[in-house]
Amino acid sequence: MSTKAARREYLQAVAEFERACRTFASGMEQVLEPQAPAAAAGLFGPRKPARRTARTPRAIEHARKA
C-alpha cells in the first residue's frame, strides 16, 4: 500500500470515527437530562477553597524541634 493510500484510509477512518462520536453525542443529549443552568452552580457552595487556619504556637514549636 502506498503512503498516499494509507493516509487516505487513515483520514477516512478518523472522519468516520468523529462522525460516529457526533451521532452518539446527539443521541445521548436526547436521553440524558439537560444540564443545570450556570446560575444554579452557585447553589452548591463557594468556588474558592476555605482558607487554612492560622498556625498555633504549639505547631510552630513542634516544627522547630523537628
PDB file of N, CA and C in Angstrom:
ATOM      1  N   MET A   1       0.856  -1.162   0.000  1.00  0.00           N
ATOM      2  CA  MET A   1       0.000   0.000   0.000  1.00  0.00           C
ATOM      3  C   MET A   1       0.908   1.232   0.000  1.00  0.00           C
ATOM      4  N   SER A   2       0.566   2.156  -0.835  1.00  0.00           N
ATOM      5  CA  SER A   2       1.389   3.360  -0.922  1.00  0.00           C
ATOM      6  C   SER A   2       1.085   4.279   0.257  1.00  0.00           C
ATOM      7  N   THR A   3       1.968   5.210   0.464  1.00  0.00           N
ATOM      8  CA  THR A   3       1.801   6.160   1.561  1.00  0.00           C
ATOM      9  C   THR A   3       0.539   6.993   1.365  1.00  0.00           C
ATOM     10  N   LYS A   4       0.294   7.360   0.100  1.00  0.00           N
ATOM     11  CA  LYS A   4      -0.889   8.170  -0.186  1.00  0.00           C
ATOM     12  C   LYS A   4      -2.169   7.412   0.139  1.00  0.00           C
ATOM     13  N   ALA A   5      -2.236   6.153  -0.235  1.00  0.00           N
ATOM     14  CA  ALA A   5      -3.416   5.334   0.012  1.00  0.00           C
ATOM     15  C   ALA A   5      -3.597   5.108   1.520  1.00  0.00           C
ATOM     16  N   ALA A   6      -2.499   4.872   2.218  1.00  0.00           N
ATOM     17  CA  ALA A   6      -2.577   4.660   3.672  1.00  0.00           C
ATOM     18  C   ALA A   6      -3.074   5.925   4.358  1.00  0.00           C
ATOM     19  N   ARG A   7      -2.561   7.071   3.944  1.00  0.00           N
ATOM     20  CA  ARG A   7      -3.002   8.333   4.523  1.00  0.00           C
ATOM     21  C   ARG A   7      -4.484   8.548   4.255  1.00  0.00           C
ATOM     22  N   ARG A   8      -4.927   8.243   3.043  1.00  0.00           N
ATOM     23  CA  ARG A   8      -6.329   8.420   2.677  1.00  0.00           C
ATOM     24  C   ARG A   8      -7.221   7.527   3.543  1.00  0.00           C
ATOM     25  N   GLU A   9      -6.820   6.259   3.724  1.00  0.00           N
ATOM     26  CA  GLU A   9      -7.593   5.351   4.567  1.00  0.00           C
ATOM     27  C   GLU A   9      -7.634   5.831   6.005  1.00  0.00           C
ATOM     28  N   TYR A  10      -6.501   6.303   6.492  1.00  0.00           N
ATOM     29  CA  TYR A  10      -6.427   6.796   7.873  1.00  0.00           C
ATOM     30  C   TYR A  10      -7.359   7.989   8.060  1.00  0.00           C
ATOM     31  N   LEU A  11      -7.296   8.948   7.156  1.00  0.00           N
ATOM     32  CA  LEU A  11      -8.136  10.130   7.276  1.00  0.00           C
ATOM     33  C   LEU A  11      -9.609   9.780   7.148  1.00  0.00           C
ATOM     34  N   GLN A  12      -9.923   8.813   6.314  1.00  0.00           N
ATOM     35  CA  GLN A  12     -11.309   8.381   6.182  1.00  0.00           C
ATOM     36  C   GLN A  12     -11.780   7.717   7.473  1.00  0.00           C
ATOM     37  N   ALA A  13     -10.950   6.888   8.082  1.00  0.00           N
ATOM     38  CA  ALA A  13     -11.315   6.231   9.339  1.00  0.00           C
ATOM     39  C   ALA A  13     -11.503   7.261  10.451  1.00  0.00           C
ATOM     40  N   VAL A  14     -10.634   8.267  10.501  1.00  0.00           N
ATOM     41  CA  VAL A  14     -10.767   9.316  11.517  1.00  0.00           C
ATOM     42  C   VAL A  14     -12.061  10.088  11.310  1.00  0.00           C
ATOM     43  N   ALA A  15     -12.395  10.405  10.066  1.00  0.00           N
ATOM     44  CA  ALA A  15     -13.635  11.132   9.777  1.00  0.00           C
ATOM     45  C   ALA A  15     -14.856  10.305  10.170  1.00  0.00           C
ATOM     46  N   GLU A  16     -14.834   9.004   9.887  1.00  0.00           N
ATOM     47  CA  GLU A  16     -15.960   8.143  10.263  1.00  0.00           C
ATOM     48  C   GLU A  16     -16.087   8.063  11.784  1.00  0.00           C
ATOM     49  N   PHE A  17     -14.955   7.974  12.485  1.00  0.00           N
ATOM     50  CA  PHE A  17     -14.985   7.919  13.940  1.00  0.00           C
ATOM     51  C   PHE A  17     -15.559   9.206  14.518  1.00  0.00           C
ATOM     52  N   GLU A  18     -15.118  10.353  14.023  1.00  0.00           N
ATOM     53  CA  GLU A  18     -15.629  11.637  14.518  1.00  0.00           C
ATOM     54  C   GLU A  18     -17.122  11.770  14.233  1.00  0.00           C
ATOM     55  N   ARG A  19     -17.568  11.309  13.072  1.00  0.00           N
ATOM     56  CA  ARG A  19     -18.989  11.347  12.735  1.00  0.00           C
ATOM     57  C   ARG A  19     -19.779  10.466  13.694  1.00  0.00           C
ATOM     58  N   ALA A  20     -19.251   9.281  14.006  1.00  0.00           N
ATOM     59  CA  ALA A  20     -19.925   8.382  14.947  1.00  0.00           C
ATOM     60  C   ALA A  20     -19.981   9.010  16.342  1.00  0.00           C
ATOM     61  N   CYS A  21     -18.919   9.697  16.737  1.00  0.00           N
ATOM     62  CA  CYS A  21     -18.910  10.366  18.041  1.00  0.00           C
ATOM     63  C   CYS A  21     -19.974  11.455  18.101  1.00  0.00           C
ATOM     64  N   ARG A  22     -20.102  12.235  17.031  1.00  0.00           N
ATOM     65  CA  ARG A  22     -21.126  13.285  16.999  1.00  0.00           C
ATOM     66  C   ARG A  22     -22.530  12.679  17.053  1.00  0.00           C
ATOM     67  N   THR A  23     -22.742  11.594  16.324  1.00  0.00           N
ATOM     68  CA  THR A  23     -24.043  10.922  16.330  1.00  0.00           C
ATOM     69  C   THR A  23     -24.352  10.394  17.723  1.00  0.00           C
ATOM     70  N   PHE A  24     -23.345   9.784  18.360  1.00  0.00           N
ATOM     71  CA  PHE A  24     -23.529   9.258  19.714  1.00  0.00           C
ATOM     72  C   PHE A  24     -23.847  10.390  20.690  1.00  0.00           C
ATOM     73  N   ALA A  25     -23.116  11.505  20.581  1.00  0.00           N
ATOM     74  CA  ALA A  25     -23.330  12.628  21.488  1.00  0.00           C
ATOM     75  C   ALA A  25     -24.735  13.201  21.321  1.00  0.00           C
ATOM     76  N   SER A  26     -25.190  13.324  20.096  1.00  0.00           N
ATOM     77  CA  SER A  26     -26.529  13.876  19.887  1.00  0.00           C
ATOM     78  C   SER A  26     -27.584  12.908  20.413  1.00  0.00           C
ATOM     79  N   GLY A  27     -27.353  11.611  20.287  1.00  0.00           N
ATOM     80  CA  GLY A  27     -28.288  10.634  20.841  1.00  0.00           C
ATOM     81  C   GLY A  27     -28.315  10.681  22.358  1.00  0.00           C
ATOM     82  N   MET A  28     -27.149  10.867  22.982  1.00  0.00           N
ATOM     83  CA  MET A  28     -27.088  10.937  24.435  1.00  0.00           C
ATOM     84  C   MET A  28     -27.752  12.203  24.958  1.00  0.00           C
ATOM     85  N   GLU A  29     -27.686  13.289  24.204  1.00  0.00           N
ATOM     86  CA  GLU A  29     -28.365  14.516  24.613  1.00  0.00           C
ATOM     87  C   GLU A  29     -29.870  14.305  24.711  1.00  0.00           C
ATOM     88  N   GLN A  30     -30.399  13.475  23.851  1.00  0.00           N
ATOM     89  CA  GLN A  30     -31.831  13.211  23.873  1.00  0.00           C
ATOM     90  C   GLN A  30     -32.218  12.329  25.053  1.00  0.00           C
ATOM     91  N   VAL A  31     -31.289  11.476  25.496  1.00  0.00           N
ATOM     92  CA  VAL A  31     -31.583  10.533  26.570  1.00  0.00           C
ATOM     93  C   VAL A  31     -31.363  11.148  27.944  1.00  0.00           C
ATOM     94  N   LEU A  32     -30.277  11.885  28.106  1.00  0.00           N
ATOM     95  CA  LEU A  32     -29.914  12.423  29.405  1.00  0.00           C
ATOM     96  C   LEU A  32     -30.675  13.691  29.731  1.00  0.00           C
ATOM     97  N   GLU A  33     -30.680  14.032  31.017  1.00  0.00           N
ATOM     98  CA  GLU A  33     -31.323  15.259  31.460  1.00  0.00           C
ATOM     99  C   GLU A  33     -30.522  16.461  30.973  1.00  0.00           C
ATOM    100  N   PRO A  34     -31.187  17.578  30.731  1.00  0.00           N
ATOM    101  CA  PRO A  34     -30.440  18.776  30.333  1.00  0.00           C
ATOM    102  C   PRO A  34     -29.577  19.264  31.495  1.00  0.00           C
ATOM    103  N   GLN A  35     -28.495  19.936  31.170  1.00  0.00           N
ATOM    104  CA  GLN A  35     -27.598  20.453  32.201  1.00  0.00           C
ATOM    105  C   GLN A  35     -28.279  21.573  32.972  1.00  0.00           C
ATOM    106  N   ALA A  36     -27.881  21.700  34.230  1.00  0.00           N
ATOM    107  CA  ALA A  36     -28.417  22.768  35.067  1.00  0.00           C
ATOM    108  C   ALA A  36     -27.893  24.101  34.557  1.00  0.00           C
ATOM    109  N   PRO A  37     -28.681  25.165  34.682  1.00  0.00           N
ATOM    110  CA  PRO A  37     -28.193  26.477  34.240  1.00  0.00           C
ATOM    111  C   PRO A  37     -26.986  26.915  35.071  1.00  0.00           C
ATOM    112  N   ALA A  38     -26.196  27.807  34.520  1.00  0.00           N
ATOM    113  CA  ALA A  38     -24.975  28.262  35.181  1.00  0.00           C
ATOM    114  C   ALA A  38     -25.272  28.944  36.511  1.00  0.00           C
ATOM    115  N   ALA A  39     -26.429  29.572  36.636  1.00  0.00           N
ATOM    116  CA  ALA A  39     -26.780  30.258  37.881  1.00  0.00           C
ATOM    117  C   ALA A  39     -26.948  29.257  39.021  1.00  0.00           C
ATOM    118  N   ALA A  40     -27.352  28.038  38.715  1.00  0.00           N
ATOM    119  CA  ALA A  40     -27.547  27.030  39.752  1.00  0.00           C
ATOM    120  C   ALA A  40     -26.217  26.534  40.305  1.00  0.00           C
ATOM    121  N   ALA A  41     -25.140  26.749  39.611  1.00  0.00           N
ATOM    122  CA  ALA A  41     -23.838  26.284  40.084  1.00  0.00           C
ATOM    123  C   ALA A  41     -23.455  26.951  41.396  1.00  0.00           C
ATOM    124  N   GLY A  42     -23.909  28.166  41.628  1.00  0.00           N
ATOM    125  CA  GLY A  42     -23.602  28.871  42.863  1.00  0.00           C
ATOM    126  C   GLY A  42     -24.327  28.301  44.070  1.00  0.00           C
ATOM    127  N   LEU A  43     -25.323  27.480  43.849  1.00  0.00           N
ATOM    128  CA  LEU A  43     -26.081  26.909  44.957  1.00  0.00           C
ATOM    129  C   LEU A  43     -25.332  25.797  45.676  1.00  0.00           C
ATOM    130  N   PHE A  44     -24.295  25.270  45.074  1.00  0.00           N
ATOM    131  CA  PHE A  44     -23.607  24.118  45.626  1.00  0.00           C
ATOM    132  C   PHE A  44     -22.408  24.476  46.476  1.00  0.00           C
ATOM    133  N   GLY A  45     -22.225  25.727  46.798  1.00  0.00           N
ATOM    134  CA  GLY A  45     -21.139  26.108  47.689  1.00  0.00           C
ATOM    135  C   GLY A  45     -20.189  27.085  47.046  1.00  0.00           C
ATOM    136  N   PRO A  46     -19.208  27.529  47.838  1.00  0.00           N
ATOM    137  CA  PRO A  46     -18.268  28.527  47.331  1.00  0.00           C
ATOM    138  C   PRO A  46     -17.333  27.926  46.284  1.00  0.00           C
ATOM    139  N   ARG A  47     -16.854  28.770  45.397  1.00  0.00           N
ATOM    140  CA  ARG A  47     -15.936  28.312  44.364  1.00  0.00           C
ATOM    141  C   ARG A  47     -14.513  28.256  44.874  1.00  0.00           C
ATOM    142  N   LYS A  48     -14.175  29.139  45.811  1.00  0.00           N
ATOM    143  CA  LYS A  48     -12.817  29.163  46.342  1.00  0.00           C
ATOM    144  C   LYS A  48     -12.729  28.192  47.512  1.00  0.00           C
ATOM    145  N   PRO A  49     -11.604  27.539  47.688  1.00  0.00           N
ATOM    146  CA  PRO A  49     -11.462  26.665  48.854  1.00  0.00           C
ATOM    147  C   PRO A  49     -11.366  27.486  50.132  1.00  0.00           C
ATOM    148  N   ALA A  50     -11.699  26.876  51.237  1.00  0.00           N
ATOM    149  CA  ALA A  50     -11.634  27.567  52.520  1.00  0.00           C
ATOM    150  C   ALA A  50     -10.188  27.902  52.847  1.00  0.00           C
ATOM    151  N   ARG A  51      -9.976  29.004  53.542  1.00  0.00           N
ATOM    152  CA  ARG A  51      -8.618  29.381  53.941  1.00  0.00           C
ATOM    153  C   ARG A  51      -8.153  28.479  55.067  1.00  0.00           C
ATOM    154  N   ARG A  52      -6.860  28.268  55.110  1.00  0.00           N
ATOM    155  CA  ARG A  52      -6.295  27.467  56.189  1.00  0.00           C
ATOM    156  C   ARG A  52      -6.307  28.281  57.471  1.00  0.00           C
ATOM    157  N   THR A  53      -6.405  27.594  58.573  1.00  0.00           N
ATOM    158  CA  THR A  53      -6.403  28.292  59.856  1.00  0.00           C
ATOM    159  C   THR A  53      -4.992  28.767  60.172  1.00  0.00           C
ATOM    160  N   ALA A  54      -4.906  29.762  61.028  1.00  0.00           N
ATOM    161  CA  ALA A  54      -3.604  30.290  61.428  1.00  0.00           C
ATOM    162  C   ALA A  54      -2.848  29.227  62.216  1.00  0.00           C
ATOM    163  N   ARG A  55      -1.546  29.224  62.089  1.00  0.00           N
ATOM    164  CA  ARG A  55      -0.739  28.245  62.812  1.00  0.00           C
ATOM    165  C   ARG A  55      -0.718  28.584  64.297  1.00  0.00           C
ATOM    166  N   THR A  56      -0.861  27.590  65.101  1.00  0.00           N
ATOM    167  CA  THR A  56      -0.853  27.790  66.554  1.00  0.00           C
ATOM    168  C   THR A  56       0.585  27.772  67.053  1.00  0.00           C
ATOM    169  N   PRO A  57       0.860  28.392  68.173  1.00  0.00           N
ATOM    170  CA  PRO A  57       2.222  28.390  68.714  1.00  0.00           C
ATOM    171  C   PRO A  57       2.735  26.977  68.968  1.00  0.00           C
ATOM    172  N   ARG A  58       1.850  26.059  69.346  1.00  0.00           N
ATOM    173  CA  ARG A  58       2.268  24.685  69.601  1.00  0.00           C
ATOM    174  C   ARG A  58       2.777  24.032  68.314  1.00  0.00           C
ATOM    175  N   ALA A  59       2.087  24.281  67.217  1.00  0.00           N
ATOM    176  CA  ALA A  59       2.506  23.706  65.937  1.00  0.00           C
ATOM    177  C   ALA A  59       3.828  24.307  65.492  1.00  0.00           C
ATOM    178  N   ILE A  60       4.035  25.579  65.790  1.00  0.00           N
ATOM    179  CA  ILE A  60       5.298  26.225  65.426  1.00  0.00           C
ATOM    180  C   ILE A  60       6.445  25.631  66.232  1.00  0.00           C
ATOM    181  N   GLU A  61       6.233  25.401  67.554  1.00  0.00           N
ATOM    182  CA  GLU A  61       7.260  24.813  68.394  1.00  0.00           C
ATOM    183  C   GLU A  61       7.594  23.404  67.918  1.00  0.00           C
ATOM    184  N   HIS A  62       6.580  22.640  67.573  1.00  0.00           N
ATOM    185  CA  HIS A  62       6.795  21.278  67.090  1.00  0.00           C
ATOM    186  C   HIS A  62       7.617  21.301  65.801  1.00  0.00           C
ATOM    187  N   ALA A  63       7.351  22.260  64.929  1.00  0.00           N
ATOM    188  CA  ALA A  63       8.074  22.349  63.664  1.00  0.00           C
ATOM    189  C   ALA A  63       9.539  22.736  63.907  1.00  0.00           C
ATOM    190  N   ARG A  64       9.812  23.534  64.922  1.00  0.00           N
ATOM    191  CA  ARG A  64      11.188  23.931  65.209  1.00  0.00           C
ATOM    192  C   ARG A  64      11.992  22.762  65.751  1.00  0.00           C
ATOM    193  N   LYS A  65      11.355  21.882  66.525  1.00  0.00           N
ATOM    194  CA  LYS A  65      12.050  20.736  67.107  1.00  0.00           C
ATOM    195  C   LYS A  65      12.382  19.691  66.062  1.00  0.00           C
ATOM    196  N   ALA A  66      11.608  19.605  65.015  1.00  0.00           N
ATOM    197  CA  ALA A  66      11.803  18.578  64.006  1.00  0.00           C
ATOM    198  C   ALA A  66      12.950  18.844  63.083  1.00  0.00           C
TER     199      ALA A  66
END
